[in-house]
Amino acid sequence: MSMQLVVDRILLDAKAEATAIVEEAENKAKALLSTVSARAENEKNAVEAEMQAKKESVLEKKRATARLDSAKILLGEKRKTLDAIYRSALSRLQTLEKEDCLRLATRLLETYAENGDEIYFAENFVYAKEVSLLPIVQTKSLKVAKERLPLDGGMRLKGEKSDKDLSYGALLSADRDENQATLAKKLFK
């Protein structure tokens, strides 16, 4: 064999080996690129899923806050409406006609007064003299105080056992505590 043949043979083998090495390197690079691409795609999908979950969480919190704020506003408006109703009722009680006022006073004294109690009228109570002449005042031996109290109408009873606030504000407050849920149901169906 000639020297040239041997050199050609070595070069041919070297080329084949180099081609095989390059091919193997390209295959490894493709496999590595495929693995990295798959991993990157998985990471991307995981990050997108996490972002979507966080987005949904933030949106749900915002929706919940909006619902809560809306409910607070609605409740506030309902309270304002009930307040207006009770302010109107107080105004009406303070301006009752004489007969209605005397009927109410009689009923209150029959229900709450005890023998010997002293009646303290509100400063703005118009029919104090007429109430002091009611038969229930004599029947229960009630005393009428000359002193007037700064109440929003009505009267206060002071007795040996207890004092009773029969001012219109106190009566309406008790009524509100007892009936506001029922009233709200009727008003805000």
N, C-alpha and C. Protein backbone atom coordinates (compact mmCIF):
# COMPACT_ATOMS: atom_id res chain seq x y z
N MET A 1 0.82 -1.14 0.00
CA MET A 1 0.00 0.00 0.00
C MET A 1 0.88 1.22 0.00
N SER A 2 0.37 2.10 -0.71
CA SER A 2 1.20 3.28 -0.81
C SER A 2 0.87 4.22 0.33
N MET A 3 1.76 5.07 0.51
CA MET A 3 1.67 6.01 1.61
C MET A 3 0.45 6.91 1.41
N GLN A 4 0.21 7.28 0.18
CA GLN A 4 -0.91 8.15 -0.14
C GLN A 4 -2.21 7.44 0.21
N LEU A 5 -2.27 6.17 -0.06
CA LEU A 5 -3.47 5.40 0.23
C LEU A 5 -3.72 5.37 1.73
N VAL A 6 -2.67 5.19 2.46
CA VAL A 6 -2.78 5.12 3.91
C VAL A 6 -3.26 6.48 4.43
N VAL A 7 -2.71 7.55 3.91
CA VAL A 7 -3.09 8.89 4.34
C VAL A 7 -4.54 9.11 3.96
N ASP A 8 -4.91 8.72 2.74
CA ASP A 8 -6.30 8.89 2.30
C ASP A 8 -7.24 8.08 3.20
N ARG A 9 -6.77 6.89 3.50
CA ARG A 9 -7.58 6.00 4.35
C ARG A 9 -7.74 6.63 5.73
N ILE A 10 -6.68 7.16 6.30
CA ILE A 10 -6.72 7.78 7.63
C ILE A 10 -7.65 9.00 7.57
N LEU A 11 -7.53 9.80 6.50
CA LEU A 11 -8.37 10.99 6.36
C LEU A 11 -9.85 10.59 6.21
N LEU A 12 -10.08 9.53 5.50
CA LEU A 12 -11.45 9.05 5.30
C LEU A 12 -12.02 8.58 6.63
N ASP A 13 -11.21 7.81 7.36
CA ASP A 13 -11.66 7.32 8.67
C ASP A 13 -11.88 8.51 9.62
N ALA A 14 -10.97 9.49 9.55
CA ALA A 14 -11.08 10.66 10.42
C ALA A 14 -12.34 11.45 10.07
N LYS A 15 -12.61 11.57 8.76
CA LYS A 15 -13.83 12.27 8.33
C LYS A 15 -15.07 11.54 8.82
N ALA A 16 -15.03 10.24 8.70
CA ALA A 16 -16.19 9.43 9.12
C ALA A 16 -16.38 9.57 10.62
N GLU A 17 -15.26 9.50 11.34
CA GLU A 17 -15.32 9.63 12.80
C GLU A 17 -15.78 11.03 13.17
N ALA A 18 -15.28 12.06 12.48
CA ALA A 18 -15.67 13.43 12.75
C ALA A 18 -17.15 13.63 12.45
N THR A 19 -17.60 13.03 11.34
CA THR A 19 -19.01 13.12 10.99
C THR A 19 -19.87 12.45 12.05
N ALA A 20 -19.37 11.28 12.53
CA ALA A 20 -20.10 10.55 13.57
C ALA A 20 -20.14 11.38 14.85
N ILE A 21 -19.02 12.02 15.20
CA ILE A 21 -18.95 12.83 16.42
C ILE A 21 -19.88 14.04 16.29
N VAL A 22 -19.82 14.70 15.12
CA VAL A 22 -20.69 15.86 14.90
C VAL A 22 -22.15 15.43 14.95
N GLU A 23 -22.46 14.28 14.31
CA GLU A 23 -23.84 13.78 14.30
C GLU A 23 -24.30 13.47 15.71
N GLU A 24 -23.40 12.80 16.47
CA GLU A 24 -23.74 12.47 17.87
C GLU A 24 -23.94 13.74 18.68
N ALA A 25 -23.06 14.73 18.46
CA ALA A 25 -23.18 16.01 19.18
C ALA A 25 -24.47 16.72 18.80
N GLU A 26 -24.80 16.69 17.51
CA GLU A 26 -26.06 17.30 17.06
C GLU A 26 -27.25 16.60 17.66
N ASN A 27 -27.20 15.25 17.72
CA ASN A 27 -28.29 14.48 18.33
C ASN A 27 -28.42 14.81 19.82
N LYS A 28 -27.25 14.88 20.50
CA LYS A 28 -27.27 15.22 21.93
C LYS A 28 -27.83 16.64 22.10
N ALA A 29 -27.40 17.56 21.21
CA ALA A 29 -27.87 18.94 21.29
C ALA A 29 -29.38 19.01 21.05
N LYS A 30 -29.84 18.22 20.04
CA LYS A 30 -31.29 18.18 19.77
C LYS A 30 -32.03 17.61 20.97
N ALA A 31 -31.52 16.53 21.56
CA ALA A 31 -32.16 15.91 22.72
C ALA A 31 -32.17 16.89 23.90
N LEU A 32 -31.00 17.53 24.11
CA LEU A 32 -30.89 18.49 25.20
C LEU A 32 -31.82 19.68 24.95
N LEU A 33 -31.85 20.17 23.72
CA LEU A 33 -32.73 21.27 23.35
C LEU A 33 -34.19 20.86 23.54
N SER A 34 -34.51 19.63 23.15
CA SER A 34 -35.87 19.13 23.31
C SER A 34 -36.23 19.04 24.79
N THR A 35 -35.29 18.54 25.62
CA THR A 35 -35.53 18.43 27.06
C THR A 35 -35.68 19.82 27.68
N VAL A 36 -34.78 20.72 27.30
CA VAL A 36 -34.83 22.09 27.83
C VAL A 36 -36.11 22.77 27.36
N SER A 37 -36.48 22.59 26.11
CA SER A 37 -37.70 23.19 25.59
C SER A 37 -38.93 22.65 26.32
N ALA A 38 -38.93 21.34 26.56
CA ALA A 38 -40.05 20.73 27.28
C ALA A 38 -40.10 21.27 28.71
N ARG A 39 -38.92 21.36 29.34
CA ARG A 39 -38.86 21.88 30.71
C ARG A 39 -39.31 23.35 30.73
N ALA A 40 -38.84 24.12 29.75
CA ALA A 40 -39.24 25.52 29.66
C ALA A 40 -40.74 25.65 29.43
N GLU A 41 -41.28 24.80 28.57
CA GLU A 41 -42.72 24.81 28.32
C GLU A 41 -43.49 24.46 29.59
N ASN A 42 -42.99 23.44 30.32
CA ASN A 42 -43.62 23.05 31.59
C ASN A 42 -43.55 24.20 32.59
N GLU A 43 -42.39 24.84 32.69
CA GLU A 43 -42.21 25.98 33.59
C GLU A 43 -43.17 27.10 33.19
N LYS A 44 -43.23 27.38 31.90
CA LYS A 44 -44.11 28.43 31.39
C LYS A 44 -45.56 28.12 31.74
N ASN A 45 -45.97 26.86 31.50
CA ASN A 45 -47.34 26.45 31.82
C ASN A 45 -47.61 26.55 33.31
N ALA A 46 -46.63 26.14 34.13
CA ALA A 46 -46.80 26.22 35.58
C ALA A 46 -46.93 27.67 36.03
N VAL A 47 -46.07 28.54 35.48
CA VAL A 47 -46.12 29.95 35.83
C VAL A 47 -47.45 30.56 35.37
N GLU A 48 -47.88 30.22 34.17
CA GLU A 48 -49.17 30.74 33.67
C GLU A 48 -50.32 30.26 34.54
N ALA A 49 -50.27 28.97 34.93
CA ALA A 49 -51.33 28.44 35.80
C ALA A 49 -51.32 29.14 37.15
N GLU A 50 -50.12 29.37 37.68
CA GLU A 50 -50.01 30.06 38.97
C GLU A 50 -50.51 31.50 38.84
N MET A 51 -50.14 32.16 37.73
CA MET A 51 -50.61 33.52 37.50
C MET A 51 -52.13 33.55 37.36
N GLN A 52 -52.69 32.59 36.66
CA GLN A 52 -54.14 32.52 36.49
C GLN A 52 -54.83 32.30 37.83
N ALA A 53 -54.24 31.40 38.66
CA ALA A 53 -54.81 31.14 39.98
C ALA A 53 -54.74 32.40 40.85
N LYS A 54 -53.60 33.11 40.80
CA LYS A 54 -53.48 34.34 41.58
C LYS A 54 -54.45 35.40 41.06
N LYS A 55 -54.57 35.48 39.75
CA LYS A 55 -55.50 36.44 39.14
C LYS A 55 -56.92 36.15 39.62
N GLU A 56 -57.32 34.87 39.57
CA GLU A 56 -58.66 34.48 40.02
C GLU A 56 -58.84 34.78 41.51
N SER A 57 -57.79 34.53 42.28
CA SER A 57 -57.85 34.80 43.72
C SER A 57 -58.04 36.29 43.97
N VAL A 58 -57.26 37.10 43.28
CA VAL A 58 -57.37 38.56 43.44
C VAL A 58 -58.75 39.02 42.99
N LEU A 59 -59.21 38.51 41.85
CA LEU A 59 -60.54 38.91 41.36
C LEU A 59 -61.64 38.49 42.33
N GLU A 60 -61.53 37.29 42.88
CA GLU A 60 -62.54 36.81 43.83
C GLU A 60 -62.53 37.67 45.10
N LYS A 61 -61.33 38.03 45.55
CA LYS A 61 -61.25 38.90 46.73
C LYS A 61 -61.88 40.25 46.41
N LYS A 62 -61.61 40.77 45.23
CA LYS A 62 -62.19 42.06 44.83
C LYS A 62 -63.71 41.95 44.71
N ARG A 63 -64.18 40.84 44.14
CA ARG A 63 -65.63 40.64 44.04
C ARG A 63 -66.25 40.54 45.43
N ALA A 64 -65.59 39.80 46.33
CA ALA A 64 -66.10 39.66 47.70
C ALA A 64 -66.11 41.01 48.40
N THR A 65 -65.06 41.79 48.22
CA THR A 65 -65.00 43.12 48.83
C THR A 65 -66.10 44.00 48.25
N ALA A 66 -66.30 43.91 46.95
CA ALA A 66 -67.36 44.71 46.31
C ALA A 66 -68.74 44.30 46.84
N ARG A 67 -68.95 42.98 46.98
CA ARG A 67 -70.24 42.52 47.53
C ARG A 67 -70.42 43.03 48.95
N LEU A 68 -69.36 42.95 49.75
CA LEU A 68 -69.43 43.41 51.14
C LEU A 68 -69.67 44.91 51.20
N ASP A 69 -68.94 45.67 50.39
CA ASP A 69 -69.15 47.13 50.36
C ASP A 69 -70.57 47.47 49.91
N SER A 70 -71.04 46.75 48.93
CA SER A 70 -72.41 46.97 48.44
C SER A 70 -73.42 46.67 49.53
N ALA A 71 -73.20 45.57 50.24
CA ALA A 71 -74.12 45.20 51.33
C ALA A 71 -74.08 46.25 52.44
N LYS A 72 -72.88 46.78 52.74
CA LYS A 72 -72.77 47.83 53.76
C LYS A 72 -73.53 49.08 53.34
N ILE A 73 -73.37 49.46 52.09
CA ILE A 73 -74.06 50.65 51.59
C ILE A 73 -75.57 50.44 51.65
N LEU A 74 -76.02 49.27 51.22
CA LEU A 74 -77.45 48.97 51.24
C LEU A 74 -77.98 48.98 52.67
N LEU A 75 -77.22 48.37 53.59
CA LEU A 75 -77.63 48.35 54.99
C LEU A 75 -77.68 49.76 55.54
N GLY A 76 -76.69 50.57 55.19
CA GLY A 76 -76.69 51.96 55.64
C GLY A 76 -77.91 52.72 55.15
N GLU A 77 -78.27 52.50 53.89
CA GLU A 77 -79.45 53.16 53.34
C GLU A 77 -80.73 52.65 54.01
N LYS A 78 -80.77 51.36 54.31
CA LYS A 78 -81.94 50.82 55.01
C LYS A 78 -82.04 51.43 56.41
N ARG A 79 -80.91 51.57 57.08
CA ARG A 79 -80.92 52.19 58.41
C ARG A 79 -81.38 53.63 58.32
N LYS A 80 -80.91 54.35 57.29
CA LYS A 80 -81.35 55.74 57.12
C LYS A 80 -82.86 55.81 56.94
N THR A 81 -83.39 54.86 56.18
CA THR A 81 -84.84 54.83 55.96
C THR A 81 -85.58 54.57 57.27
N LEU A 82 -85.09 53.58 58.04
CA LEU A 82 -85.72 53.29 59.33
C LEU A 82 -85.58 54.47 60.28
N ASP A 83 -84.41 55.12 60.28
CA ASP A 83 -84.22 56.30 61.12
C ASP A 83 -85.25 57.38 60.75
N ALA A 84 -85.45 57.58 59.46
CA ALA A 84 -86.41 58.59 59.01
C ALA A 84 -87.84 58.24 59.45
N ILE A 85 -88.16 56.95 59.38
CA ILE A 85 -89.50 56.51 59.82
C ILE A 85 -89.69 56.81 61.30
N TYR A 86 -88.67 56.48 62.11
CA TYR A 86 -88.80 56.69 63.55
C TYR A 86 -88.73 58.18 63.91
N ARG A 87 -87.97 58.98 63.14
CA ARG A 87 -87.98 60.44 63.36
C ARG A 87 -89.38 61.00 63.06
N SER A 88 -89.98 60.49 61.99
CA SER A 88 -91.32 60.93 61.64
C SER A 88 -92.33 60.52 62.72
N ALA A 89 -92.16 59.30 63.24
CA ALA A 89 -93.06 58.84 64.31
C ALA A 89 -92.90 59.71 65.55
N LEU A 90 -91.67 60.08 65.89
CA LEU A 90 -91.43 60.94 67.05
C LEU A 90 -92.09 62.30 66.83
N SER A 91 -91.93 62.84 65.64
CA SER A 91 -92.55 64.12 65.32
C SER A 91 -94.07 64.04 65.45
N ARG A 92 -94.64 62.95 64.98
CA ARG A 92 -96.09 62.79 65.08
C ARG A 92 -96.55 62.64 66.53
N LEU A 93 -95.76 61.89 67.32
CA LEU A 93 -96.11 61.75 68.74
C LEU A 93 -96.05 63.10 69.45
N GLN A 94 -95.07 63.91 69.09
CA GLN A 94 -94.92 65.21 69.74
C GLN A 94 -96.02 66.19 69.34
N THR A 95 -96.72 65.91 68.26
CA THR A 95 -97.78 66.81 67.79
C THR A 95 -99.16 66.13 67.80
N LEU A 96 -99.33 65.17 68.68
CA LEU A 96 -100.63 64.48 68.76
C LEU A 96 -101.73 65.46 69.15
N GLU A 97 -102.90 65.19 68.64
CA GLU A 97 -104.08 65.96 69.05
C GLU A 97 -104.35 65.64 70.53
N LYS A 98 -105.07 66.50 71.18
CA LYS A 98 -105.31 66.38 72.62
C LYS A 98 -105.93 65.02 72.99
N GLU A 99 -106.98 64.61 72.29
CA GLU A 99 -107.66 63.36 72.63
C GLU A 99 -106.72 62.16 72.47
N ASP A 100 -105.96 62.15 71.36
CA ASP A 100 -105.03 61.04 71.13
C ASP A 100 -103.94 61.03 72.18
N CYS A 101 -103.45 62.20 72.54
CA CYS A 101 -102.39 62.29 73.56
C CYS A 101 -102.91 61.79 74.90
N LEU A 102 -104.12 62.16 75.26
CA LEU A 102 -104.69 61.72 76.54
C LEU A 102 -104.96 60.21 76.54
N ARG A 103 -105.40 59.67 75.41
CA ARG A 103 -105.60 58.22 75.32
C ARG A 103 -104.27 57.48 75.50
N LEU A 104 -103.23 57.98 74.83
CA LEU A 104 -101.91 57.37 74.94
C LEU A 104 -101.39 57.46 76.37
N ALA A 105 -101.53 58.62 77.00
CA ALA A 105 -101.06 58.81 78.37
C ALA A 105 -101.81 57.87 79.31
N THR A 106 -103.12 57.76 79.12
CA THR A 106 -103.92 56.86 79.96
C THR A 106 -103.42 55.42 79.82
N ARG A 107 -103.22 54.98 78.59
CA ARG A 107 -102.75 53.61 78.37
C ARG A 107 -101.38 53.38 78.99
N LEU A 108 -100.49 54.34 78.84
CA LEU A 108 -99.15 54.21 79.41
C LEU A 108 -99.21 54.16 80.94
N LEU A 109 -100.00 55.03 81.52
CA LEU A 109 -100.10 55.06 82.99
C LEU A 109 -100.78 53.80 83.51
N GLU A 110 -101.81 53.32 82.82
CA GLU A 110 -102.46 52.07 83.24
C GLU A 110 -101.47 50.90 83.19
N THR A 111 -100.63 50.88 82.17
CA THR A 111 -99.71 49.76 81.97
C THR A 111 -98.48 49.84 82.87
N TYR A 112 -97.90 51.02 83.03
CA TYR A 112 -96.59 51.10 83.68
C TYR A 112 -96.57 51.75 85.05
N ALA A 113 -97.55 52.57 85.38
CA ALA A 113 -97.50 53.29 86.66
C ALA A 113 -97.85 52.35 87.81
N GLU A 114 -97.15 52.56 88.92
CA GLU A 114 -97.46 51.84 90.16
C GLU A 114 -97.99 52.85 91.15
N ASN A 115 -98.77 52.37 92.10
CA ASN A 115 -99.36 53.27 93.09
C ASN A 115 -98.29 54.15 93.73
N GLY A 116 -98.57 55.45 93.76
CA GLY A 116 -97.67 56.39 94.42
C GLY A 116 -96.54 56.92 93.56
N ASP A 117 -96.43 56.48 92.30
CA ASP A 117 -95.36 57.00 91.42
C ASP A 117 -95.55 58.49 91.20
N GLU A 118 -94.44 59.15 90.86
CA GLU A 118 -94.49 60.58 90.56
C GLU A 118 -94.24 60.76 89.06
N ILE A 119 -95.07 61.58 88.43
CA ILE A 119 -94.98 61.83 87.00
C ILE A 119 -94.16 63.09 86.75
N TYR A 120 -93.12 62.94 85.91
CA TYR A 120 -92.32 64.08 85.46
C TYR A 120 -92.56 64.22 83.96
N PHE A 121 -93.20 65.31 83.57
CA PHE A 121 -93.49 65.53 82.16
C PHE A 121 -92.29 66.13 81.44
N ALA A 122 -92.27 65.93 80.14
CA ALA A 122 -91.25 66.55 79.29
C ALA A 122 -91.51 68.05 79.24
N GLU A 123 -90.45 68.80 79.03
CA GLU A 123 -90.58 70.26 78.94
C GLU A 123 -91.54 70.68 77.83
N ASN A 124 -91.56 69.89 76.74
CA ASN A 124 -92.40 70.25 75.60
C ASN A 124 -93.76 69.55 75.61
N PHE A 125 -94.11 68.88 76.72
CA PHE A 125 -95.39 68.18 76.80
C PHE A 125 -96.51 69.19 77.00
N VAL A 126 -97.42 69.28 76.04
CA VAL A 126 -98.45 70.33 76.01
C VAL A 126 -99.61 70.05 76.97
N TYR A 127 -99.96 68.80 77.15
CA TYR A 127 -101.20 68.47 77.87
C TYR A 127 -100.94 67.92 79.27
N ALA A 128 -99.96 68.44 79.96
CA ALA A 128 -99.62 67.96 81.31
C ALA A 128 -100.78 68.18 82.28
N LYS A 129 -101.40 69.35 82.20
CA LYS A 129 -102.52 69.64 83.11
C LYS A 129 -103.66 68.66 82.88
N GLU A 130 -103.97 68.39 81.62
CA GLU A 130 -105.07 67.49 81.29
C GLU A 130 -104.75 66.06 81.75
N VAL A 131 -103.50 65.62 81.59
CA VAL A 131 -103.11 64.27 82.02
C VAL A 131 -103.22 64.17 83.53
N SER A 132 -102.84 65.22 84.24
CA SER A 132 -102.90 65.16 85.71
C SER A 132 -104.33 65.06 86.21
N LEU A 133 -105.31 65.37 85.37
CA LEU A 133 -106.73 65.27 85.75
C LEU A 133 -107.36 63.95 85.33
N LEU A 134 -106.58 63.06 84.69
CA LEU A 134 -107.14 61.77 84.24
C LEU A 134 -107.52 60.91 85.45
N PRO A 135 -108.58 60.10 85.30
CA PRO A 135 -109.00 59.25 86.42
C PRO A 135 -107.90 58.27 86.88
N ILE A 136 -107.04 57.80 85.97
CA ILE A 136 -105.99 56.85 86.35
C ILE A 136 -105.01 57.48 87.34
N VAL A 137 -104.83 58.80 87.28
CA VAL A 137 -103.93 59.49 88.20
C VAL A 137 -104.47 59.38 89.63
N GLN A 138 -105.79 59.59 89.80
CA GLN A 138 -106.38 59.46 91.12
C GLN A 138 -106.45 57.99 91.54
N THR A 139 -106.80 57.10 90.61
CA THR A 139 -106.93 55.67 90.93
C THR A 139 -105.63 55.11 91.47
N LYS A 140 -104.51 55.48 90.91
CA LYS A 140 -103.21 54.94 91.33
C LYS A 140 -102.45 55.89 92.27
N SER A 141 -103.14 56.92 92.73
CA SER A 141 -102.55 57.89 93.65
C SER A 141 -101.22 58.42 93.13
N LEU A 142 -101.21 58.81 91.87
CA LEU A 142 -100.00 59.32 91.24
C LEU A 142 -99.82 60.79 91.60
N LYS A 143 -98.57 61.20 91.74
CA LYS A 143 -98.25 62.60 92.03
C LYS A 143 -97.70 63.20 90.74
N VAL A 144 -97.93 64.47 90.56
CA VAL A 144 -97.42 65.17 89.39
C VAL A 144 -96.35 66.16 89.86
N ALA A 145 -95.15 65.97 89.38
CA ALA A 145 -94.05 66.86 89.76
C ALA A 145 -94.18 68.18 89.02
N LYS A 146 -93.80 69.25 89.69
CA LYS A 146 -93.82 70.57 89.05
C LYS A 146 -92.64 70.70 88.10
N GLU A 147 -91.57 69.99 88.44
CA GLU A 147 -90.35 70.05 87.61
C GLU A 147 -90.60 69.35 86.28
N ARG A 148 -90.10 69.95 85.21
CA ARG A 148 -90.18 69.35 83.87
C ARG A 148 -88.79 68.85 83.49
N LEU A 149 -88.75 67.78 82.69
CA LEU A 149 -87.48 67.19 82.28
C LEU A 149 -87.20 67.44 80.80
N PRO A 150 -85.94 67.50 80.43
CA PRO A 150 -85.60 67.71 79.00
C PRO A 150 -85.71 66.40 78.22
N LEU A 151 -86.92 65.94 78.04
CA LEU A 151 -87.19 64.71 77.28
C LEU A 151 -87.69 65.11 75.90
N ASP A 152 -87.79 64.13 75.02
CA ASP A 152 -88.28 64.41 73.67
C ASP A 152 -89.78 64.20 73.56
N GLY A 153 -90.48 64.41 74.65
CA GLY A 153 -91.92 64.23 74.69
C GLY A 153 -92.26 63.14 75.69
N GLY A 154 -93.52 63.10 76.08
CA GLY A 154 -93.93 62.05 77.00
C GLY A 154 -93.60 62.40 78.44
N MET A 155 -93.26 61.36 79.20
CA MET A 155 -93.05 61.54 80.64
C MET A 155 -92.11 60.48 81.19
N ARG A 156 -91.75 60.67 82.43
CA ARG A 156 -90.94 59.70 83.16
C ARG A 156 -91.63 59.48 84.50
N LEU A 157 -91.70 58.21 84.91
CA LEU A 157 -92.28 57.88 86.21
C LEU A 157 -91.16 57.56 87.18
N LYS A 158 -91.25 58.17 88.38
CA LYS A 158 -90.28 57.86 89.43
C LYS A 158 -91.06 57.25 90.58
N GLY A 159 -90.61 56.09 91.00
CA GLY A 159 -91.32 55.41 92.06
C GLY A 159 -90.38 54.85 93.10
N GLU A 160 -90.97 54.23 94.12
CA GLU A 160 -90.16 53.63 95.19
C GLU A 160 -89.35 52.46 94.66
N LYS A 161 -89.94 51.63 93.82
CA LYS A 161 -89.28 50.41 93.34
C LYS A 161 -88.41 50.66 92.11
N SER A 162 -88.94 51.48 91.20
CA SER A 162 -88.17 51.71 89.96
C SER A 162 -88.66 52.98 89.27
N ASP A 163 -87.81 53.44 88.37
CA ASP A 163 -88.17 54.57 87.51
C ASP A 163 -88.45 54.01 86.11
N LYS A 164 -89.39 54.64 85.43
CA LYS A 164 -89.75 54.17 84.09
C LYS A 164 -89.72 55.35 83.13
N ASP A 165 -88.97 55.16 82.05
CA ASP A 165 -88.86 56.20 81.03
C ASP A 165 -89.96 55.97 80.00
N LEU A 166 -90.95 56.82 80.02
CA LEU A 166 -92.06 56.75 79.06
C LEU A 166 -91.99 57.91 78.08
N SER A 167 -90.77 58.41 77.90
CA SER A 167 -90.60 59.47 76.89
C SER A 167 -90.83 58.84 75.52
N TYR A 168 -91.23 59.68 74.59
CA TYR A 168 -91.53 59.15 73.25
C TYR A 168 -90.30 58.52 72.62
N GLY A 169 -89.15 59.11 72.83
CA GLY A 169 -87.91 58.53 72.29
C GLY A 169 -87.64 57.15 72.85
N ALA A 170 -87.84 56.98 74.15
CA ALA A 170 -87.61 55.67 74.78
C ALA A 170 -88.63 54.64 74.28
N LEU A 171 -89.88 55.07 74.14
CA LEU A 171 -90.92 54.16 73.64
C LEU A 171 -90.61 53.73 72.20
N LEU A 172 -90.20 54.69 71.39
CA LEU A 172 -89.87 54.36 70.00
C LEU A 172 -88.61 53.51 69.91
N SER A 173 -87.66 53.75 70.79
CA SER A 173 -86.44 52.93 70.81
C SER A 173 -86.78 51.48 71.17
N ALA A 174 -87.64 51.30 72.14
CA ALA A 174 -88.06 49.95 72.52
C ALA A 174 -88.83 49.29 71.38
N ASP A 175 -89.69 50.08 70.73
CA ASP A 175 -90.43 49.55 69.59
C ASP A 175 -89.48 49.16 68.46
N ARG A 176 -88.49 49.99 68.22
CA ARG A 176 -87.53 49.70 67.15
C ARG A 176 -86.76 48.41 67.45
N ASP A 177 -86.30 48.27 68.68
CA ASP A 177 -85.58 47.04 69.06
C ASP A 177 -86.44 45.81 68.82
N GLU A 178 -87.71 45.93 69.10
CA GLU A 178 -88.61 44.78 69.00
C GLU A 178 -89.09 44.53 67.56
N ASN A 179 -89.27 45.60 66.80
CA ASN A 179 -89.97 45.43 65.52
C ASN A 179 -89.17 45.79 64.27
N GLN A 180 -87.94 46.23 64.40
CA GLN A 180 -87.25 46.71 63.20
C GLN A 180 -87.00 45.60 62.18
N ALA A 181 -86.76 44.37 62.62
CA ALA A 181 -86.54 43.28 61.67
C ALA A 181 -87.81 43.04 60.84
N THR A 182 -88.95 43.01 61.51
CA THR A 182 -90.23 42.80 60.81
C THR A 182 -90.52 43.97 59.88
N LEU A 183 -90.28 45.17 60.37
CA LEU A 183 -90.51 46.36 59.56
C LEU A 183 -89.60 46.37 58.33
N ALA A 184 -88.35 46.01 58.54
CA ALA A 184 -87.39 45.97 57.42
C ALA A 184 -87.82 44.95 56.38
N LYS A 185 -88.31 43.80 56.83
CA LYS A 185 -88.79 42.77 55.88
C LYS A 185 -89.93 43.31 55.04
N LYS A 186 -90.84 44.03 55.67
CA LYS A 186 -91.98 44.57 54.93
C LYS A 186 -91.54 45.67 53.95
N LEU A 187 -90.61 46.50 54.41
CA LEU A 187 -90.19 47.63 53.57
C LEU A 187 -89.26 47.21 52.43
N PHE A 188 -88.35 46.27 52.72
CA PHE A 188 -87.27 45.93 51.77
C PHE A 188 -87.38 44.48 51.32
N LYS A 189 -88.48 44.15 50.69
CA LYS A 189 -88.72 42.77 50.26
C LYS A 189 -87.64 42.28 49.36
